[in-house]
Amino acid sequence: MYDGFVNFEIMLATYLMKTQGEIITVGLSSEMVNSYEGFTVKPHQNIKEIDCDDVEVLLIPGGDISAIEGNQQLTSLIKELDINQKYIGAICSGVEVVKQAGVLEAREFTSNRTNNAETYKVSRNIITAKANGYVDFAIELGKMLNIYSDEEDYNETVRYFKYFESN
């Protein structure tokens, strides 16, 4: 989390991930940050406290990334997570942070800056998405992490969140 992060882009993903475990928010410091939408958030942990072995997935939301762009600790964490085949999710301008870490070289990805039509792309352990792909991003991330109990659970999630259908 960082000043100017766009909360809605990761809200559904965190909602789905919460069904499987604890969500721990991380900041460059332990100081409060303000989301683009105006929410004030205090990260649970400082990035210096993160142990790669304890991370299952790192989500990087979009927004004004100037606060995190080029941050060496974040770049090192992204590289270490990728080497250890941990999941990394990035959406909107958050994809640029992952790209700057060098882990998207020779991989397919999508972002607001690419001209491809896909709203999201998966390449091994990394999922990237355009801002308007937040629903697909969340659902596909859940699939990558095996959060659905079976095919019907997955299909029900797709119907409900993507097509607004209830039973």
Protein backbone atom coordinates (compact mmCIF):
# COMPACT_ATOMS: atom_id res chain seq x y z
CA MET A 1 0.00 0.00 0.00
CA TYR A 2 1.27 3.45 -0.84
CA ASP A 3 -0.04 6.98 -1.08
CA GLY A 4 -2.30 7.12 -4.11
CA PHE A 5 -2.93 3.35 -4.50
CA VAL A 6 -6.25 2.46 -6.12
CA ASN A 7 -8.11 0.36 -3.60
CA PHE A 8 -10.93 -0.89 -5.82
CA GLU A 9 -8.53 -2.66 -8.19
CA ILE A 10 -7.55 -5.20 -5.52
CA MET A 11 -10.67 -5.17 -3.33
CA LEU A 12 -12.38 -8.17 -4.96
CA ALA A 13 -9.10 -10.12 -5.06
CA THR A 14 -8.54 -9.54 -1.34
CA TYR A 15 -12.17 -10.43 -0.62
CA LEU A 16 -11.71 -13.78 -2.36
CA MET A 17 -8.26 -14.40 -0.82
CA LYS A 18 -9.62 -13.71 2.66
CA THR A 19 -11.65 -16.93 2.36
CA GLN A 20 -8.36 -18.86 2.47
CA GLY A 21 -6.28 -17.00 4.99
CA GLU A 22 -5.05 -13.80 6.46
CA ILE A 23 -4.51 -10.65 4.42
CA ILE A 24 -1.49 -8.67 5.56
CA THR A 25 -1.10 -5.21 4.11
CA VAL A 26 2.41 -3.95 3.50
CA GLY A 27 3.78 -0.44 3.12
CA LEU A 28 7.20 1.04 2.53
CA SER A 29 6.89 2.14 6.14
CA SER A 30 4.36 1.63 8.91
CA GLU A 31 2.95 5.11 8.33
CA MET A 32 -0.64 5.70 7.24
CA VAL A 33 -1.24 6.04 3.50
CA ASN A 34 -4.17 7.45 1.57
CA SER A 35 -5.83 5.55 -1.22
CA TYR A 36 -6.92 7.30 -4.40
CA GLU A 37 -10.51 6.93 -3.18
CA GLY A 38 -9.71 8.82 0.02
CA PHE A 39 -9.43 5.96 2.50
CA THR A 40 -6.68 6.28 5.11
CA VAL A 41 -5.01 2.93 5.70
CA LYS A 42 -2.31 1.82 8.14
CA PRO A 43 -0.30 -1.07 6.70
CA HIS A 44 0.06 -4.08 8.98
CA GLN A 45 3.76 -4.39 8.22
CA ASN A 46 6.69 -2.44 6.90
CA ILE A 47 8.31 -3.97 3.81
CA LYS A 48 11.53 -4.41 5.83
CA GLU A 49 9.69 -6.92 8.04
CA ILE A 50 8.61 -9.21 5.18
CA ASP A 51 10.12 -12.68 4.93
CA CYS A 52 9.70 -14.20 1.46
CA ASP A 53 8.99 -17.61 2.99
CA ASP A 54 5.88 -16.19 4.67
CA VAL A 55 4.41 -14.73 1.47
CA GLU A 56 1.98 -16.72 -0.64
CA VAL A 57 1.00 -13.88 -2.97
CA LEU A 58 2.00 -10.24 -3.35
CA LEU A 59 -0.60 -7.90 -4.86
CA ILE A 60 0.48 -4.55 -6.24
CA PRO A 61 -2.41 -2.19 -6.98
CA GLY A 62 -2.26 0.59 -9.50
CA GLY A 63 -2.45 4.28 -8.81
CA ASP A 64 0.19 6.95 -8.58
CA ILE A 65 3.21 4.65 -8.30
CA SER A 66 5.71 7.48 -7.88
CA ALA A 67 5.87 6.66 -4.15
CA ILE A 68 7.05 3.07 -4.81
CA GLU A 69 8.66 3.27 -8.24
CA GLY A 70 12.32 2.28 -8.09
CA ASN A 71 12.16 1.31 -4.40
CA GLN A 72 15.03 -1.17 -3.95
CA GLN A 73 13.37 -3.15 -1.15
CA LEU A 74 10.24 -3.67 -3.22
CA THR A 75 12.26 -4.54 -6.33
CA SER A 76 14.31 -7.08 -4.32
CA LEU A 77 11.15 -8.59 -2.82
CA ILE A 78 9.53 -8.98 -6.25
CA LYS A 79 12.66 -10.65 -7.65
CA GLU A 80 12.98 -12.98 -4.64
CA LEU A 81 9.31 -13.94 -4.78
CA ASP A 82 9.61 -14.70 -8.49
CA ILE A 83 12.76 -16.80 -8.02
CA ASN A 84 10.90 -18.77 -5.34
CA GLN A 85 7.87 -19.09 -7.63
CA LYS A 86 5.58 -17.26 -5.26
CA TYR A 87 2.53 -15.60 -6.78
CA ILE A 88 2.67 -11.97 -7.83
CA GLY A 89 -0.37 -10.04 -8.94
CA ALA A 90 -0.16 -6.56 -10.42
CA ILE A 91 -2.87 -4.42 -11.91
CA CYS A 92 -2.94 -1.12 -13.79
CA SER A 93 0.20 0.91 -13.09
CA GLY A 94 1.29 -1.69 -10.52
CA VAL A 95 2.37 -3.77 -13.53
CA GLU A 96 5.03 -1.13 -14.25
CA VAL A 97 6.62 -1.77 -10.84
CA VAL A 98 6.86 -5.50 -11.60
CA LYS A 99 8.17 -4.73 -15.08
CA GLN A 100 10.85 -2.42 -13.61
CA ALA A 101 11.94 -5.27 -11.31
CA GLY A 102 12.86 -7.17 -14.48
CA VAL A 103 10.72 -10.23 -13.91
CA LEU A 104 8.44 -9.70 -16.92
CA GLU A 105 11.22 -10.02 -19.48
CA ALA A 106 10.42 -12.82 -21.95
CA ARG A 107 6.92 -13.18 -20.46
CA GLU A 108 3.54 -12.21 -21.77
CA PHE A 109 1.79 -9.56 -19.72
CA THR A 110 -0.82 -6.89 -20.06
CA SER A 111 -1.19 -3.43 -18.60
CA ASN A 112 -2.87 -0.15 -19.37
CA ARG A 113 0.19 0.68 -21.49
CA THR A 114 -0.02 -2.40 -23.75
CA ASN A 115 -2.14 -2.48 -26.88
CA ASN A 116 -3.37 -6.05 -26.49
CA ALA A 117 -7.07 -6.68 -25.96
CA GLU A 118 -6.76 -9.02 -22.97
CA THR A 119 -7.82 -7.57 -19.63
CA TYR A 120 -5.50 -9.97 -17.81
CA LYS A 121 -2.61 -12.32 -18.56
CA VAL A 122 -1.06 -15.15 -16.58
CA SER A 123 2.56 -16.15 -17.05
CA ARG A 124 3.57 -18.92 -14.70
CA ASN A 125 3.36 -17.38 -11.20
CA ILE A 126 2.56 -13.81 -12.28
CA ILE A 127 -0.82 -12.35 -13.17
CA THR A 128 -1.09 -8.88 -14.66
CA ALA A 129 -4.18 -6.89 -15.53
CA LYS A 130 -5.49 -3.66 -16.92
CA ALA A 131 -7.49 -1.51 -14.51
CA ASN A 132 -10.82 -2.57 -16.04
CA GLY A 133 -9.83 -6.22 -15.65
CA TYR A 134 -10.13 -6.21 -11.87
CA VAL A 135 -12.93 -8.81 -11.79
CA ASP A 136 -11.12 -11.23 -14.13
CA PHE A 137 -7.89 -10.52 -12.22
CA ALA A 138 -9.48 -11.48 -8.90
CA ILE A 139 -11.25 -14.59 -10.21
CA GLU A 140 -8.18 -15.86 -12.08
CA LEU A 141 -5.92 -15.19 -9.10
CA GLY A 142 -8.30 -17.31 -7.04
CA LYS A 143 -8.00 -20.07 -9.63
CA MET A 144 -4.19 -19.88 -9.53
CA LEU A 145 -4.31 -20.22 -5.74
CA ASN A 146 -6.86 -23.06 -5.76
CA ILE A 147 -9.35 -21.22 -3.56
CA TYR A 148 -12.41 -22.74 -5.25
CA SER A 149 -13.68 -25.95 -3.72
CA ASP A 150 -14.70 -27.35 -7.10
CA GLU A 151 -15.73 -26.35 -10.63
CA GLU A 152 -19.23 -25.36 -9.49
CA ASP A 153 -17.78 -23.04 -6.81
CA TYR A 154 -15.62 -21.42 -9.49
CA ASN A 155 -18.55 -21.10 -11.92
CA GLU A 156 -20.78 -19.65 -9.21
CA THR A 157 -18.10 -17.05 -8.39
CA VAL A 158 -17.82 -16.10 -12.07
CA ARG A 159 -21.61 -15.84 -12.46
CA TYR A 160 -22.00 -13.74 -9.33
CA PHE A 161 -19.10 -11.30 -9.64
CA LYS A 162 -18.71 -11.09 -13.41
CA TYR A 163 -22.26 -11.44 -14.66
CA PHE A 164 -24.16 -10.32 -11.52
CA GLU A 165 -26.24 -13.50 -11.47
CA SER A 166 -27.38 -15.03 -8.22
CA ASN A 167 -28.51 -18.65 -7.97
